[in-house]
Amino acid sequence: MPTAEVNGITTNYDLQGSGNGDLVVLVNGLADDRFTWDAQVSALLDDGFRTLNYDNRGIGKSARPPGPYTAEMMADDLRALLGNIDLGTKKFHLLGISMGGMIAQSYAFKYPNGSSAAGGLETLSLSLCCTYAQPTRFCSRVFELWADMAQRMSVQDVMRDVMLWAFTVPFFSQREPDLMEVETAMRNLDMTVEAYLSQLNVLQKFDSTSALESLKMQGRGMGGLQGRQVMVLAVGVSRRFQPNGDKFPQRA
């Protein structure tokens, strides 16, 4: 698998697809490596898209520098990766899930279309999945628990707990082969406690409410996009951020 030296670290990535299909950039959540996207990558490639997914700092085959990490730091990793490999295009759809949604938000705030910082790169659409603008008290308590569990037990044990949040009851009762595959991946997750806590800091400290309020006051969309180009997807909820509308849900 190819790697790139970006933003002072080695980043492992996978660029797939051929032809003129739009490029979709996929950004992982907490303690997820690039293989998390396998099912989505397969579906996107079948529909004629091209895909770029990669291991965030702290996991997989990417570097694991000392933390803590922030969403802005990891957005800088993404910007450096996009600018230092041959994408075959300057335009892409950006999709982030959970922590990846926070990274994607930070990217949109710092590297909006048409800015000098974007360096000619253009975000075609922004999809923020199962993420938030800031942690609620509920989320903060959950993250404190996960931090304690990781240190007292293991990262792998934390991910066993996360599985109960990530899948529905029908998934557990009707999709045994898929369940076994995910459980095996969780047991074999290659991530140190230090790297996990460094990534967890992103979720604990992220707060984009002021930036969103500023965009609202200015009548502007995230990343220089129009409202219809920004989708926020949560469990059972799909809402679009509008410059003159409400902020997206704070907890998915």
Protein backbone atom coordinates (compact mmCIF):
# COMPACT_ATOMS: atom_id res chain seq x y z
CA MET A 1 0.00 0.00 0.00
CA PRO A 2 1.40 3.44 -0.89
CA THR A 3 2.41 5.96 1.75
CA ALA A 4 3.08 9.68 1.63
CA GLU A 5 5.19 11.93 3.84
CA VAL A 6 2.74 14.68 4.76
CA ASN A 7 2.54 17.21 7.58
CA GLY A 8 5.57 15.65 9.23
CA ILE A 9 4.23 12.10 9.37
CA THR A 10 3.95 9.02 7.17
CA THR A 11 0.38 8.45 6.01
CA ASN A 12 -0.88 5.19 4.54
CA TYR A 13 -3.54 5.61 1.86
CA ASP A 14 -5.46 3.79 -0.86
CA LEU A 15 -6.53 5.50 -4.08
CA GLN A 16 -8.84 3.33 -6.17
CA GLY A 17 -10.88 3.56 -9.34
CA SER A 18 -10.26 4.57 -12.90
CA GLY A 19 -11.88 6.69 -15.56
CA ASN A 20 -13.54 10.06 -15.13
CA GLY A 21 -15.73 9.30 -12.12
CA ASP A 22 -15.88 11.80 -9.27
CA LEU A 23 -13.43 11.24 -6.44
CA VAL A 24 -14.86 10.54 -2.96
CA VAL A 25 -12.53 11.14 0.01
CA LEU A 26 -13.47 9.07 3.07
CA VAL A 27 -12.32 10.11 6.56
CA ASN A 28 -12.38 7.58 9.40
CA GLY A 29 -13.78 7.81 12.89
CA LEU A 30 -12.16 7.07 16.23
CA ALA A 31 -10.03 3.89 16.28
CA ASP A 32 -11.03 3.01 12.71
CA ASP A 33 -8.47 2.13 10.06
CA ARG A 34 -9.00 2.51 6.34
CA PHE A 35 -10.51 -0.99 6.03
CA THR A 36 -13.59 0.31 7.83
CA TRP A 37 -14.73 1.67 4.47
CA ASP A 38 -14.40 -1.60 2.50
CA ALA A 39 -18.14 -2.06 1.89
CA GLN A 40 -18.66 1.59 0.93
CA VAL A 41 -15.58 1.64 -1.31
CA SER A 42 -16.83 -1.42 -3.17
CA ALA A 43 -20.27 0.14 -3.69
CA LEU A 44 -18.81 3.48 -4.80
CA LEU A 45 -16.45 1.83 -7.28
CA ASP A 46 -19.34 -0.21 -8.68
CA ASP A 47 -21.21 3.06 -9.27
CA GLY A 48 -18.30 4.55 -11.19
CA PHE A 49 -16.77 6.74 -8.47
CA ARG A 50 -13.12 6.85 -7.50
CA THR A 51 -12.17 6.66 -3.83
CA LEU A 52 -9.42 7.82 -1.50
CA ASN A 53 -9.31 6.46 2.02
CA TYR A 54 -6.43 6.49 4.45
CA ASP A 55 -5.31 5.71 7.99
CA ASN A 56 -5.48 8.70 10.30
CA ARG A 57 -2.45 9.41 12.45
CA GLY A 58 -2.39 6.97 15.35
CA ILE A 59 -3.73 3.86 13.63
CA GLY A 60 -3.15 1.35 10.86
CA LYS A 61 0.01 1.78 8.82
CA SER A 62 0.21 5.53 9.37
CA ALA A 63 2.59 7.10 11.89
CA ARG A 64 1.70 7.28 15.56
CA PRO A 65 3.33 10.45 16.87
CA PRO A 66 2.77 11.51 20.47
CA GLY A 67 -0.54 13.23 21.12
CA PRO A 68 -2.93 14.58 21.96
CA TYR A 69 -4.38 15.13 18.49
CA THR A 70 -6.89 17.77 17.40
CA ALA A 71 -9.38 17.94 14.55
CA GLU A 72 -7.47 20.85 13.01
CA MET A 73 -4.19 18.92 13.16
CA MET A 74 -5.80 15.99 11.39
CA ALA A 75 -7.45 18.30 8.85
CA ASP A 76 -3.95 19.57 8.10
CA ASP A 77 -2.90 15.93 7.56
CA LEU A 78 -5.72 15.56 5.05
CA ARG A 79 -4.88 18.80 3.23
CA ALA A 80 -1.23 17.75 2.97
CA LEU A 81 -2.19 14.31 1.67
CA LEU A 82 -4.50 15.77 -0.99
CA GLY A 83 -1.80 18.18 -2.08
CA ASN A 84 1.06 15.71 -2.20
CA ILE A 85 -0.27 12.73 -4.13
CA ASP A 86 -1.48 12.48 -7.72
CA LEU A 87 -5.24 12.41 -7.41
CA GLY A 88 -5.83 12.85 -11.10
CA THR A 89 -8.17 15.71 -10.24
CA LYS A 90 -8.45 18.82 -8.05
CA LYS A 91 -12.11 18.17 -7.21
CA PHE A 92 -13.57 15.73 -4.71
CA HIS A 93 -16.52 14.89 -2.47
CA LEU A 94 -15.56 14.87 1.22
CA LEU A 95 -17.27 12.45 3.60
CA GLY A 96 -16.38 12.03 7.26
CA ILE A 97 -17.96 9.87 9.94
CA SER A 98 -17.91 10.56 13.69
CA MET A 99 -14.38 11.86 14.41
CA GLY A 100 -13.94 11.97 10.64
CA GLY A 101 -16.90 14.36 10.49
CA MET A 102 -15.07 16.67 12.88
CA ILE A 103 -11.94 16.47 10.74
CA ALA A 104 -14.06 17.22 7.65
CA GLN A 105 -15.62 20.23 9.38
CA SER A 106 -12.19 21.54 10.32
CA TYR A 107 -11.03 21.04 6.75
CA ALA A 108 -14.03 22.99 5.44
CA PHE A 109 -13.42 25.87 7.86
CA LYS A 110 -9.67 26.11 7.21
CA TYR A 111 -9.53 25.25 3.49
CA PRO A 112 -12.74 26.59 1.91
CA ASN A 113 -13.14 26.56 -1.84
CA GLY A 114 -11.50 29.52 -3.54
CA SER A 115 -9.14 30.31 -0.67
CA SER A 116 -5.39 30.47 -1.05
CA ALA A 117 -5.12 27.80 1.64
CA ALA A 118 -7.09 25.37 -0.52
CA GLY A 119 -4.39 25.65 -3.19
CA GLY A 120 -6.76 25.05 -6.10
CA LEU A 121 -8.43 22.03 -4.49
CA GLU A 122 -12.23 22.11 -4.70
CA THR A 123 -14.70 20.33 -2.43
CA LEU A 124 -17.75 19.33 -4.49
CA SER A 125 -19.85 18.29 -1.52
CA LEU A 126 -19.48 17.79 2.21
CA SER A 127 -21.16 14.89 4.07
CA LEU A 128 -20.97 14.87 7.86
CA CYS A 129 -22.16 11.54 9.24
CA CYS A 130 -22.94 10.66 12.87
CA THR A 131 -20.93 13.59 14.17
CA TYR A 132 -21.53 16.81 16.10
CA ALA A 133 -20.61 20.45 16.56
CA GLN A 134 -19.65 19.93 20.20
CA PRO A 135 -19.94 17.12 22.76
CA THR A 136 -22.95 17.26 25.03
CA ARG A 137 -22.66 16.33 28.70
CA PHE A 138 -23.86 12.87 27.71
CA CYS A 139 -21.11 12.39 25.12
CA SER A 140 -18.48 13.81 27.45
CA ARG A 141 -19.39 11.24 30.10
CA VAL A 142 -19.23 8.46 27.54
CA PHE A 143 -15.76 9.56 26.43
CA GLU A 144 -14.52 9.72 30.02
CA LEU A 145 -15.73 6.15 30.47
CA TRP A 146 -14.01 5.01 27.28
CA ALA A 147 -10.75 6.62 28.41
CA ASP A 148 -10.97 4.80 31.75
CA MET A 149 -11.85 1.50 30.05
CA ALA A 150 -8.94 1.79 27.61
CA GLN A 151 -6.47 2.31 30.44
CA ARG A 152 -7.91 -0.22 32.88
CA MET A 153 -8.81 -2.86 30.30
CA SER A 154 -7.79 -2.36 26.66
CA VAL A 155 -8.66 -0.45 23.50
CA GLN A 156 -10.07 -3.69 22.12
CA ASP A 157 -12.48 -3.94 25.06
CA VAL A 158 -13.65 -0.38 24.44
CA MET A 159 -14.39 -1.26 20.83
CA ARG A 160 -16.48 -4.23 21.94
CA ASP A 161 -18.62 -1.71 23.81
CA VAL A 162 -18.73 0.63 20.80
CA MET A 163 -20.13 -2.22 18.70
CA LEU A 164 -23.28 -2.14 20.83
CA TRP A 165 -23.74 1.50 19.83
CA ALA A 166 -22.84 1.06 16.19
CA PHE A 167 -25.26 -1.67 15.12
CA THR A 168 -28.97 -2.30 15.43
CA VAL A 169 -30.68 -5.21 17.16
CA PRO A 170 -31.63 -6.78 13.78
CA PHE A 171 -27.95 -6.69 12.77
CA PHE A 172 -27.03 -8.83 15.77
CA SER A 173 -29.88 -11.27 15.18
CA GLN A 174 -29.88 -11.53 11.39
CA ARG A 175 -26.32 -10.95 10.15
CA GLU A 176 -24.20 -13.42 12.05
CA PRO A 177 -21.36 -13.67 9.46
CA ASP A 178 -20.98 -9.88 9.33
CA LEU A 179 -21.11 -9.71 13.12
CA MET A 180 -18.36 -12.31 13.46
CA GLU A 181 -16.20 -10.44 10.95
CA VAL A 182 -16.54 -7.17 12.85
CA GLU A 183 -15.89 -8.83 16.21
CA THR A 184 -12.74 -10.44 14.84
CA ALA A 185 -11.55 -7.08 13.53
CA MET A 186 -12.16 -5.50 16.95
CA ARG A 187 -10.24 -8.25 18.77
CA ASN A 188 -7.29 -7.81 16.42
CA LEU A 189 -7.35 -4.00 16.33
CA ASP A 190 -3.77 -2.72 16.24
CA MET A 191 -3.91 0.46 18.29
CA THR A 192 -2.06 1.42 21.44
CA VAL A 193 -3.73 3.00 24.44
CA GLU A 194 -1.62 6.13 23.92
CA ALA A 195 -2.74 6.48 20.30
CA TYR A 196 -6.36 5.83 21.25
CA LEU A 197 -6.33 8.54 23.91
CA SER A 198 -4.66 10.90 21.45
CA GLN A 199 -7.50 10.39 18.96
CA LEU A 200 -10.16 10.47 21.68
CA ASN A 201 -8.98 13.99 22.54
CA VAL A 202 -10.42 15.12 19.19
CA LEU A 203 -13.93 14.10 20.28
CA GLN A 204 -13.51 15.53 23.77
CA LYS A 205 -12.24 18.96 22.73
CA PHE A 206 -13.97 19.59 19.39
CA ASP A 207 -16.27 22.61 19.25
CA SER A 208 -17.32 24.20 15.98
CA THR A 209 -20.34 26.11 17.29
CA SER A 210 -18.67 29.53 17.09
CA ALA A 211 -17.47 28.87 13.53
CA LEU A 212 -20.96 27.76 12.51
CA GLU A 213 -22.54 30.81 14.11
CA SER A 214 -20.07 33.02 12.24
CA LEU A 215 -21.02 31.42 8.93
CA LYS A 216 -24.69 31.85 9.77
CA MET A 217 -24.20 35.55 10.53
CA GLN A 218 -22.34 36.01 7.24
CA GLY A 219 -24.89 34.02 5.23
CA ARG A 220 -22.20 31.64 4.04
CA GLY A 221 -22.04 27.86 3.75
CA MET A 222 -19.34 25.55 5.07
CA GLY A 223 -16.29 25.21 2.88
CA GLY A 224 -17.56 27.84 0.48
CA LEU A 225 -20.38 25.49 -0.51
CA GLN A 226 -24.07 26.11 -1.02
CA GLY A 227 -26.51 24.65 1.49
CA ARG A 228 -27.63 21.91 -0.88
CA GLN A 229 -24.01 20.71 -1.15
CA VAL A 230 -23.68 20.06 2.59
CA MET A 231 -25.44 17.06 4.11
CA VAL A 232 -25.61 16.13 7.77
CA LEU A 233 -26.62 12.55 8.42
CA ALA A 234 -27.48 11.17 11.86
CA VAL A 235 -29.24 8.06 13.08
CA GLY A 236 -32.79 8.46 11.88
CA VAL A 237 -32.18 12.11 10.98
CA SER A 238 -31.07 13.80 7.76
CA ARG A 239 -30.78 17.60 7.77
CA ARG A 240 -28.97 20.10 5.64
CA PHE A 241 -27.04 23.03 7.06
CA GLN A 242 -28.33 26.28 5.59
CA PRO A 243 -26.54 29.63 6.04
CA ASN A 244 -29.75 31.10 7.48
CA GLY A 245 -30.95 27.95 9.26
CA ASP A 246 -30.26 25.92 12.33
CA LYS A 247 -27.01 24.26 13.26
CA PHE A 248 -26.95 20.55 12.64
CA PRO A 249 -27.72 18.13 15.48
CA GLN A 250 -25.10 18.12 18.21
CA ARG A 251 -25.26 14.39 18.83
CA ALA A 252 -25.83 11.56 16.39
